[in-house]
Protein backbone atom coordinates (compact mmCIF):
# COMPACT_ATOMS: atom_id res chain seq x y z
CA UNK A 1 0.00 0.00 0.00
CA UNK A 2 1.38 3.37 -0.99
CA UNK A 3 1.70 5.63 2.03
CA UNK A 4 1.93 9.05 0.41
CA UNK A 5 -1.15 11.24 0.35
CA UNK A 6 -0.87 14.59 -1.42
CA UNK A 7 -2.18 17.63 0.50
CA UNK A 8 -4.96 18.12 -2.06
CA UNK A 9 -5.95 14.45 -1.72
CA UNK A 10 -6.25 14.83 2.04
CA UNK A 11 -8.43 17.94 1.73
CA UNK A 12 -10.60 16.28 -0.93
CA UNK A 13 -10.92 13.05 1.05
CA UNK A 14 -12.18 14.92 4.11
CA UNK A 15 -14.66 16.81 1.94
CA UNK A 16 -16.00 13.61 0.35
CA UNK A 17 -16.97 12.18 3.72
CA UNK A 18 -17.88 15.59 5.19
CA UNK A 19 -15.35 15.33 8.02
CA UNK A 20 -13.92 18.32 9.81
CA UNK A 21 -10.29 18.38 10.86
CA UNK A 22 -11.54 17.82 14.39
CA UNK A 23 -13.34 14.61 13.36
CA UNK A 24 -10.30 13.29 11.47
CA UNK A 25 -8.02 14.19 14.38
CA UNK A 26 -10.27 12.28 16.77
CA UNK A 27 -10.37 9.26 14.46
CA UNK A 28 -6.58 9.17 14.01
CA UNK A 29 -5.21 10.33 17.36
CA UNK A 30 -3.45 13.31 15.83
CA UNK A 31 -4.02 17.03 16.23
CA UNK A 32 -5.92 19.51 14.10
CA UNK A 33 -2.72 21.56 13.82
CA UNK A 34 -0.87 18.58 12.35
CA UNK A 35 -3.67 18.03 9.85
CA UNK A 36 -3.67 21.71 8.88
CA UNK A 37 0.08 21.58 8.29
CA UNK A 38 -0.27 18.39 6.20
CA UNK A 39 -3.08 19.89 4.13
CA UNK A 40 -0.99 23.00 3.50
CA UNK A 41 2.03 20.93 2.49
CA UNK A 42 4.10 22.43 5.30
CA UNK A 43 5.34 19.16 6.76
CA UNK A 44 6.09 15.57 5.85
CA UNK A 45 4.10 13.21 8.07
CA UNK A 46 5.45 10.29 10.02
CA UNK A 47 4.64 6.92 8.51
CA UNK A 48 2.41 6.09 11.48
CA UNK A 49 0.44 9.32 11.04
CA UNK A 50 -0.19 8.86 7.33
CA UNK A 51 -1.14 5.21 7.91
CA UNK A 52 -3.69 6.23 10.56
CA UNK A 53 -5.13 8.92 8.26
CA UNK A 54 -5.36 6.56 5.30
CA UNK A 55 -7.01 3.79 7.37
CA UNK A 56 -9.58 6.15 8.92
CA UNK A 57 -10.57 7.71 5.61
CA UNK A 58 -10.66 4.38 3.79
CA UNK A 59 -12.89 2.95 6.53
CA UNK A 60 -15.20 5.93 5.94
CA UNK A 61 -15.45 5.01 2.24
CA UNK A 62 -12.65 6.96 0.56
CA UNK A 63 -10.52 5.35 -2.13
CA UNK A 64 -7.15 6.96 -2.85
CA UNK A 65 -6.24 7.01 -6.54
CA UNK A 66 -2.50 6.99 -7.30
CA UNK A 67 -0.72 9.15 -9.84
CA UNK A 68 -1.96 7.87 -13.20
CA UNK A 69 -0.97 10.50 -15.69
CA UNK A 70 -3.63 12.93 -14.51
CA UNK A 71 -2.40 13.30 -10.96
CA UNK A 72 -3.43 11.63 -7.73
CA UNK A 73 -7.03 11.81 -6.60
CA UNK A 74 -9.76 10.40 -4.38
CA UNK A 75 -13.24 8.99 -4.86
CA UNK A 76 -15.92 7.26 -2.83
CA UNK A 77 -15.92 3.48 -3.01
CA UNK A 78 -18.86 1.84 -4.76
PDB file of N, CA and C in Angstrom:
ATOM      1  N   UNK A   1       0.846  -1.176   0.000  1.00  0.00           N
ATOM      2  CA  UNK A   1       0.000   0.000   0.000  1.00  0.00           C
ATOM      3  C   UNK A   1       0.888   1.235   0.000  1.00  0.00           C
ATOM      4  N   UNK A   2       0.620   2.127  -0.925  1.00  0.00           N
ATOM      5  CA  UNK A   2       1.383   3.366  -0.993  1.00  0.00           C
ATOM      6  C   UNK A   2       0.985   4.257   0.174  1.00  0.00           C
ATOM      7  N   UNK A   3       1.968   4.850   0.835  1.00  0.00           N
ATOM      8  CA  UNK A   3       1.703   5.630   2.034  1.00  0.00           C
ATOM      9  C   UNK A   3       1.505   7.118   1.770  1.00  0.00           C
ATOM     10  N   UNK A   4       1.997   7.612   0.659  1.00  0.00           N
ATOM     11  CA  UNK A   4       1.933   9.046   0.406  1.00  0.00           C
ATOM     12  C   UNK A   4       0.514   9.486   0.074  1.00  0.00           C
ATOM     13  N   UNK A   5       0.112  10.591   0.669  1.00  0.00           N
ATOM     14  CA  UNK A   5      -1.147  11.243   0.346  1.00  0.00           C
ATOM     15  C   UNK A   5      -0.806  12.702   0.095  1.00  0.00           C
ATOM     16  N   UNK A   6      -1.132  13.192  -1.085  1.00  0.00           N
ATOM     17  CA  UNK A   6      -0.873  14.586  -1.417  1.00  0.00           C
ATOM     18  C   UNK A   6      -1.782  15.488  -0.584  1.00  0.00           C
ATOM     19  N   UNK A   7      -1.332  16.704  -0.277  1.00  0.00           N
ATOM     20  CA  UNK A   7      -2.176  17.626   0.496  1.00  0.00           C
ATOM     21  C   UNK A   7      -3.573  17.804  -0.106  1.00  0.00           C
ATOM     22  N   UNK A   8      -3.654  17.953  -1.417  1.00  0.00           N
ATOM     23  CA  UNK A   8      -4.964  18.121  -2.061  1.00  0.00           C
ATOM     24  C   UNK A   8      -5.823  16.868  -1.903  1.00  0.00           C
ATOM     25  N   UNK A   9      -5.204  15.691  -1.931  1.00  0.00           N
ATOM     26  CA  UNK A   9      -5.955  14.450  -1.719  1.00  0.00           C
ATOM     27  C   UNK A   9      -6.548  14.419  -0.320  1.00  0.00           C
ATOM     28  N   UNK A  10      -5.766  14.843   0.662  1.00  0.00           N
ATOM     29  CA  UNK A  10      -6.247  14.835   2.040  1.00  0.00           C
ATOM     30  C   UNK A  10      -7.433  15.784   2.199  1.00  0.00           C
ATOM     31  N   UNK A  11      -7.321  16.982   1.648  1.00  0.00           N
ATOM     32  CA  UNK A  11      -8.431  17.942   1.727  1.00  0.00           C
ATOM     33  C   UNK A  11      -9.670  17.393   1.029  1.00  0.00           C
ATOM     34  N   UNK A  12      -9.468  16.819  -0.162  1.00  0.00           N
ATOM     35  CA  UNK A  12     -10.596  16.283  -0.926  1.00  0.00           C
ATOM     36  C   UNK A  12     -11.228  15.083  -0.228  1.00  0.00           C
ATOM     37  N   UNK A  13     -10.404  14.233   0.354  1.00  0.00           N
ATOM     38  CA  UNK A  13     -10.924  13.053   1.054  1.00  0.00           C
ATOM     39  C   UNK A  13     -11.804  13.461   2.226  1.00  0.00           C
ATOM     40  N   UNK A  14     -11.359  14.446   2.982  1.00  0.00           N
ATOM     41  CA  UNK A  14     -12.181  14.922   4.108  1.00  0.00           C
ATOM     42  C   UNK A  14     -13.502  15.478   3.609  1.00  0.00           C
ATOM     43  N   UNK A  15     -13.439  16.211   2.496  1.00  0.00           N
ATOM     44  CA  UNK A  15     -14.658  16.812   1.941  1.00  0.00           C
ATOM     45  C   UNK A  15     -15.637  15.732   1.464  1.00  0.00           C
ATOM     46  N   UNK A  16     -15.128  14.674   0.850  1.00  0.00           N
ATOM     47  CA  UNK A  16     -15.998  13.607   0.346  1.00  0.00           C
ATOM     48  C   UNK A  16     -16.833  12.963   1.447  1.00  0.00           C
ATOM     49  N   UNK A  17     -16.236  12.814   2.617  1.00  0.00           N
ATOM     50  CA  UNK A  17     -16.966  12.175   3.721  1.00  0.00           C
ATOM     51  C   UNK A  17     -17.518  13.200   4.711  1.00  0.00           C
ATOM     52  N   UNK A  18     -17.359  14.492   4.364  1.00  0.00           N
ATOM     53  CA  UNK A  18     -17.877  15.593   5.185  1.00  0.00           C
ATOM     54  C   UNK A  18     -17.330  15.551   6.609  1.00  0.00           C
ATOM     55  N   UNK A  19     -16.023  15.344   6.713  1.00  0.00           N
ATOM     56  CA  UNK A  19     -15.352  15.334   8.016  1.00  0.00           C
ATOM     57  C   UNK A  19     -14.603  16.637   8.227  1.00  0.00           C
ATOM     58  N   UNK A  20     -14.725  17.172   9.407  1.00  0.00           N
ATOM     59  CA  UNK A  20     -13.922  18.323   9.805  1.00  0.00           C
ATOM     60  C   UNK A  20     -12.525  17.835  10.191  1.00  0.00           C
ATOM     61  N   UNK A  21     -11.619  18.764  10.350  1.00  0.00           N
ATOM     62  CA  UNK A  21     -10.294  18.380  10.855  1.00  0.00           C
ATOM     63  C   UNK A  21     -10.422  17.791  12.256  1.00  0.00           C
ATOM     64  N   UNK A  22     -11.344  18.315  13.029  1.00  0.00           N
ATOM     65  CA  UNK A  22     -11.544  17.820  14.388  1.00  0.00           C
ATOM     66  C   UNK A  22     -11.972  16.355  14.377  1.00  0.00           C
ATOM     67  N   UNK A  23     -12.874  16.006  13.460  1.00  0.00           N
ATOM     68  CA  UNK A  23     -13.341  14.614  13.356  1.00  0.00           C
ATOM     69  C   UNK A  23     -12.193  13.701  12.932  1.00  0.00           C
ATOM     70  N   UNK A  24     -11.422  14.111  11.920  1.00  0.00           N
ATOM     71  CA  UNK A  24     -10.303  13.287  11.469  1.00  0.00           C
ATOM     72  C   UNK A  24      -9.245  13.170  12.560  1.00  0.00           C
ATOM     73  N   UNK A  25      -8.990  14.236  13.278  1.00  0.00           N
ATOM     74  CA  UNK A  25      -8.017  14.194  14.380  1.00  0.00           C
ATOM     75  C   UNK A  25      -8.466  13.190  15.441  1.00  0.00           C
ATOM     76  N   UNK A  26      -9.745  13.211  15.770  1.00  0.00           N
ATOM     77  CA  UNK A  26     -10.266  12.278  16.774  1.00  0.00           C
ATOM     78  C   UNK A  26     -10.173  10.834  16.292  1.00  0.00           C
ATOM     79  N   UNK A  27     -10.422  10.608  15.015  1.00  0.00           N
ATOM     80  CA  UNK A  27     -10.370   9.261  14.456  1.00  0.00           C
ATOM     81  C   UNK A  27      -8.950   8.718  14.351  1.00  0.00           C
ATOM     82  N   UNK A  28      -7.962   9.601  14.265  1.00  0.00           N
ATOM     83  CA  UNK A  28      -6.584   9.173  14.013  1.00  0.00           C
ATOM     84  C   UNK A  28      -5.637   9.376  15.184  1.00  0.00           C
ATOM     85  N   UNK A  29      -6.083  10.073  16.213  1.00  0.00           N
ATOM     86  CA  UNK A  29      -5.210  10.327  17.359  1.00  0.00           C
ATOM     87  C   UNK A  29      -4.138  11.368  17.081  1.00  0.00           C
ATOM     88  N   UNK A  30      -4.379  12.229  16.118  1.00  0.00           N
ATOM     89  CA  UNK A  30      -3.447  13.312  15.831  1.00  0.00           C
ATOM     90  C   UNK A  30      -4.104  14.635  16.206  1.00  0.00           C
ATOM     91  N   UNK A  31      -3.471  15.728  15.879  1.00  0.00           N
ATOM     92  CA  UNK A  31      -4.022  17.033  16.230  1.00  0.00           C
ATOM     93  C   UNK A  31      -4.528  17.763  14.990  1.00  0.00           C
ATOM     94  N   UNK A  32      -5.424  18.709  15.213  1.00  0.00           N
ATOM     95  CA  UNK A  32      -5.922  19.510  14.096  1.00  0.00           C
ATOM     96  C   UNK A  32      -4.792  20.355  13.506  1.00  0.00           C
ATOM     97  N   UNK A  33      -3.865  20.778  14.322  1.00  0.00           N
ATOM     98  CA  UNK A  33      -2.720  21.557  13.825  1.00  0.00           C
ATOM     99  C   UNK A  33      -1.865  20.714  12.879  1.00  0.00           C
ATOM    100  N   UNK A  34      -1.625  19.474  13.232  1.00  0.00           N
ATOM    101  CA  UNK A  34      -0.868  18.582  12.352  1.00  0.00           C
ATOM    102  C   UNK A  34      -1.598  18.409  11.027  1.00  0.00           C
ATOM    103  N   UNK A  35      -2.899  18.190  11.081  1.00  0.00           N
ATOM    104  CA  UNK A  35      -3.674  18.030   9.852  1.00  0.00           C
ATOM    105  C   UNK A  35      -3.629  19.287   9.000  1.00  0.00           C
ATOM    106  N   UNK A  36      -3.740  20.451   9.627  1.00  0.00           N
ATOM    107  CA  UNK A  36      -3.670  21.710   8.881  1.00  0.00           C
ATOM    108  C   UNK A  36      -2.321  21.855   8.187  1.00  0.00           C
ATOM    109  N   UNK A  37      -1.256  21.491   8.882  1.00  0.00           N
ATOM    110  CA  UNK A  37       0.082  21.578   8.286  1.00  0.00           C
ATOM    111  C   UNK A  37       0.239  20.578   7.143  1.00  0.00           C
ATOM    112  N   UNK A  38      -0.320  19.379   7.274  1.00  0.00           N
ATOM    113  CA  UNK A  38      -0.265  18.391   6.200  1.00  0.00           C
ATOM    114  C   UNK A  38      -1.050  18.878   4.990  1.00  0.00           C
ATOM    115  N   UNK A  39      -2.241  19.411   5.227  1.00  0.00           N
ATOM    116  CA  UNK A  39      -3.078  19.888   4.131  1.00  0.00           C
ATOM    117  C   UNK A  39      -2.470  21.089   3.418  1.00  0.00           C
ATOM    118  N   UNK A  40      -1.659  21.849   4.106  1.00  0.00           N
ATOM    119  CA  UNK A  40      -0.989  23.005   3.501  1.00  0.00           C
ATOM    120  C   UNK A  40       0.347  22.625   2.869  1.00  0.00           C
ATOM    121  N   UNK A  41       0.765  21.379   3.040  1.00  0.00           N
ATOM    122  CA  UNK A  41       2.034  20.933   2.493  1.00  0.00           C
ATOM    123  C   UNK A  41       3.232  21.475   3.243  1.00  0.00           C
ATOM    124  N   UNK A  42       3.037  21.831   4.497  1.00  0.00           N
ATOM    125  CA  UNK A  42       4.101  22.430   5.304  1.00  0.00           C
ATOM    126  C   UNK A  42       4.988  21.423   6.012  1.00  0.00           C
ATOM    127  N   UNK A  43       4.583  20.166   6.032  1.00  0.00           N
ATOM    128  CA  UNK A  43       5.340  19.159   6.759  1.00  0.00           C
ATOM    129  C   UNK A  43       5.204  17.807   6.072  1.00  0.00           C
ATOM    130  N   UNK A  44       6.148  16.948   6.332  1.00  0.00           N
ATOM    131  CA  UNK A  44       6.094  15.569   5.850  1.00  0.00           C
ATOM    132  C   UNK A  44       5.688  14.711   7.039  1.00  0.00           C
ATOM    133  N   UNK A  45       4.598  13.961   6.921  1.00  0.00           N
ATOM    134  CA  UNK A  45       4.104  13.209   8.068  1.00  0.00           C
ATOM    135  C   UNK A  45       4.945  11.977   8.380  1.00  0.00           C
ATOM    136  N   UNK A  46       4.874  11.574   9.620  1.00  0.00           N
ATOM    137  CA  UNK A  46       5.451  10.294  10.019  1.00  0.00           C
ATOM    138  C   UNK A  46       4.670   9.188   9.339  1.00  0.00           C
ATOM    139  N   UNK A  47       5.311   8.072   9.131  1.00  0.00           N
ATOM    140  CA  UNK A  47       4.635   6.925   8.508  1.00  0.00           C
ATOM    141  C   UNK A  47       3.416   6.499   9.320  1.00  0.00           C
ATOM    142  N   UNK A  48       3.534   6.516  10.642  1.00  0.00           N
ATOM    143  CA  UNK A  48       2.408   6.091  11.481  1.00  0.00           C
ATOM    144  C   UNK A  48       1.227   7.057  11.358  1.00  0.00           C
ATOM    145  N   UNK A  49       1.507   8.332  11.187  1.00  0.00           N
ATOM    146  CA  UNK A  49       0.438   9.325  11.039  1.00  0.00           C
ATOM    147  C   UNK A  49      -0.292   9.145   9.714  1.00  0.00           C
ATOM    148  N   UNK A  50       0.450   9.000   8.636  1.00  0.00           N
ATOM    149  CA  UNK A  50      -0.187   8.861   7.326  1.00  0.00           C
ATOM    150  C   UNK A  50      -0.938   7.533   7.232  1.00  0.00           C
ATOM    151  N   UNK A  51      -0.432   6.497   7.884  1.00  0.00           N
ATOM    152  CA  UNK A  51      -1.137   5.213   7.907  1.00  0.00           C
ATOM    153  C   UNK A  51      -2.459   5.349   8.645  1.00  0.00           C
ATOM    154  N   UNK A  52      -2.460   6.029   9.783  1.00  0.00           N
ATOM    155  CA  UNK A  52      -3.692   6.230  10.556  1.00  0.00           C
ATOM    156  C   UNK A  52      -4.709   7.051   9.760  1.00  0.00           C
ATOM    157  N   UNK A  53      -4.239   8.081   9.075  1.00  0.00           N
ATOM    158  CA  UNK A  53      -5.127   8.916   8.261  1.00  0.00           C
ATOM    159  C   UNK A  53      -5.724   8.096   7.131  1.00  0.00           C
ATOM    160  N   UNK A  54      -4.887   7.378   6.431  1.00  0.00           N
ATOM    161  CA  UNK A  54      -5.362   6.556   5.301  1.00  0.00           C
ATOM    162  C   UNK A  54      -6.387   5.535   5.786  1.00  0.00           C
ATOM    163  N   UNK A  55      -6.093   4.816   6.867  1.00  0.00           N
ATOM    164  CA  UNK A  55      -7.006   3.791   7.372  1.00  0.00           C
ATOM    165  C   UNK A  55      -8.355   4.384   7.777  1.00  0.00           C
ATOM    166  N   UNK A  56      -8.338   5.523   8.465  1.00  0.00           N
ATOM    167  CA  UNK A  56      -9.578   6.152   8.915  1.00  0.00           C
ATOM    168  C   UNK A  56     -10.435   6.593   7.730  1.00  0.00           C
ATOM    169  N   UNK A  57      -9.809   7.233   6.755  1.00  0.00           N
ATOM    170  CA  UNK A  57     -10.569   7.714   5.605  1.00  0.00           C
ATOM    171  C   UNK A  57     -11.041   6.568   4.718  1.00  0.00           C
ATOM    172  N   UNK A  58     -10.231   5.537   4.562  1.00  0.00           N
ATOM    173  CA  UNK A  58     -10.664   4.379   3.786  1.00  0.00           C
ATOM    174  C   UNK A  58     -11.824   3.665   4.468  1.00  0.00           C
ATOM    175  N   UNK A  59     -11.785   3.575   5.796  1.00  0.00           N
ATOM    176  CA  UNK A  59     -12.888   2.954   6.533  1.00  0.00           C
ATOM    177  C   UNK A  59     -14.177   3.761   6.376  1.00  0.00           C
ATOM    178  N   UNK A  60     -14.034   5.064   6.135  1.00  0.00           N
ATOM    179  CA  UNK A  60     -15.201   5.931   5.938  1.00  0.00           C
ATOM    180  C   UNK A  60     -15.704   5.892   4.494  1.00  0.00           C
ATOM    181  N   UNK A  61     -14.984   5.173   3.603  1.00  0.00           N
ATOM    182  CA  UNK A  61     -15.452   5.012   2.243  1.00  0.00           C
ATOM    183  C   UNK A  61     -14.630   5.694   1.168  1.00  0.00           C
ATOM    184  N   UNK A  62     -13.506   6.280   1.524  1.00  0.00           N
ATOM    185  CA  UNK A  62     -12.654   6.962   0.556  1.00  0.00           C
ATOM    186  C   UNK A  62     -11.709   5.969  -0.103  1.00  0.00           C
ATOM    187  N   UNK A  63     -11.520   6.124  -1.405  1.00  0.00           N
ATOM    188  CA  UNK A  63     -10.525   5.349  -2.134  1.00  0.00           C
ATOM    189  C   UNK A  63      -9.493   6.333  -2.680  1.00  0.00           C
ATOM    190  N   UNK A  64      -8.233   6.105  -2.365  1.00  0.00           N
ATOM    191  CA  UNK A  64      -7.153   6.961  -2.853  1.00  0.00           C
ATOM    192  C   UNK A  64      -6.708   6.450  -4.217  1.00  0.00           C
ATOM    193  N   UNK A  65      -6.634   7.354  -5.178  1.00  0.00           N
ATOM    194  CA  UNK A  65      -6.240   7.012  -6.540  1.00  0.00           C
ATOM    195  C   UNK A  65      -4.805   7.495  -6.737  1.00  0.00           C
ATOM    196  N   UNK A  66      -3.901   6.592  -7.124  1.00  0.00           N
ATOM    197  CA  UNK A  66      -2.503   6.989  -7.301  1.00  0.00           C
ATOM    198  C   UNK A  66      -2.303   7.841  -8.551  1.00  0.00           C
ATOM    199  N   UNK A  67      -1.127   8.403  -8.645  1.00  0.00           N
ATOM    200  CA  UNK A  67      -0.724   9.147  -9.836  1.00  0.00           C
ATOM    201  C   UNK A  67      -0.924   8.247 -11.045  1.00  0.00           C
ATOM    202  N   UNK A  68      -1.682   8.708 -12.025  1.00  0.00           N
ATOM    203  CA  UNK A  68      -1.957   7.868 -13.198  1.00  0.00           C
ATOM    204  C   UNK A  68      -1.909   8.676 -14.484  1.00  0.00           C
ATOM    205  N   UNK A  69      -1.067   9.658 -14.523  1.00  0.00           N
ATOM    206  CA  UNK A  69      -0.973  10.504 -15.693  1.00  0.00           C
ATOM    207  C   UNK A  69      -1.765  11.788 -15.550  1.00  0.00           C
ATOM    208  N   UNK A  70      -2.813  11.754 -14.746  1.00  0.00           N
ATOM    209  CA  UNK A  70      -3.627  12.934 -14.512  1.00  0.00           C
ATOM    210  C   UNK A  70      -3.476  13.479 -13.108  1.00  0.00           C
ATOM    211  N   UNK A  71      -2.607  12.875 -12.344  1.00  0.00           N
ATOM    212  CA  UNK A  71      -2.405  13.303 -10.964  1.00  0.00           C
ATOM    213  C   UNK A  71      -3.151  12.428  -9.994  1.00  0.00           C
ATOM    214  N   UNK A  72      -2.753  12.435  -8.736  1.00  0.00           N
ATOM    215  CA  UNK A  72      -3.429  11.628  -7.726  1.00  0.00           C
ATOM    216  C   UNK A  72      -4.810  12.201  -7.433  1.00  0.00           C
ATOM    217  N   UNK A  73      -5.683  11.348  -6.917  1.00  0.00           N
ATOM    218  CA  UNK A  73      -7.035  11.807  -6.604  1.00  0.00           C
ATOM    219  C   UNK A  73      -7.676  10.945  -5.536  1.00  0.00           C
ATOM    220  N   UNK A  74      -8.957  11.175  -5.329  1.00  0.00           N
ATOM    221  CA  UNK A  74      -9.763  10.404  -4.382  1.00  0.00           C
ATOM    222  C   UNK A  74     -11.156  10.230  -4.964  1.00  0.00           C
ATOM    223  N   UNK A  75     -11.834   9.195  -4.498  1.00  0.00           N
ATOM    224  CA  UNK A  75     -13.242   8.992  -4.857  1.00  0.00           C
ATOM    225  C   UNK A  75     -13.875   8.156  -3.759  1.00  0.00           C
ATOM    226  N   UNK A  76     -15.206   8.136  -3.752  1.00  0.00           N
ATOM    227  CA  UNK A  76     -15.920   7.263  -2.829  1.00  0.00           C
ATOM    228  C   UNK A  76     -15.984   5.881  -3.428  1.00  0.00           C
ATOM    229  N   UNK A  77     -15.818   4.879  -2.565  1.00  0.00           N
ATOM    230  CA  UNK A  77     -15.919   3.485  -3.013  1.00  0.00           C
ATOM    231  C   UNK A  77     -17.356   3.187  -3.395  1.00  0.00           C
ATOM    232  N   UNK A  78     -17.501   2.273  -4.329  1.00  0.00           N
ATOM    233  CA  UNK A  78     -18.855   1.844  -4.756  1.00  0.00           C
ATOM    234  C   UNK A  78     -19.502   1.018  -3.694  1.00  0.00           C
TER     235      UNK A  78
END
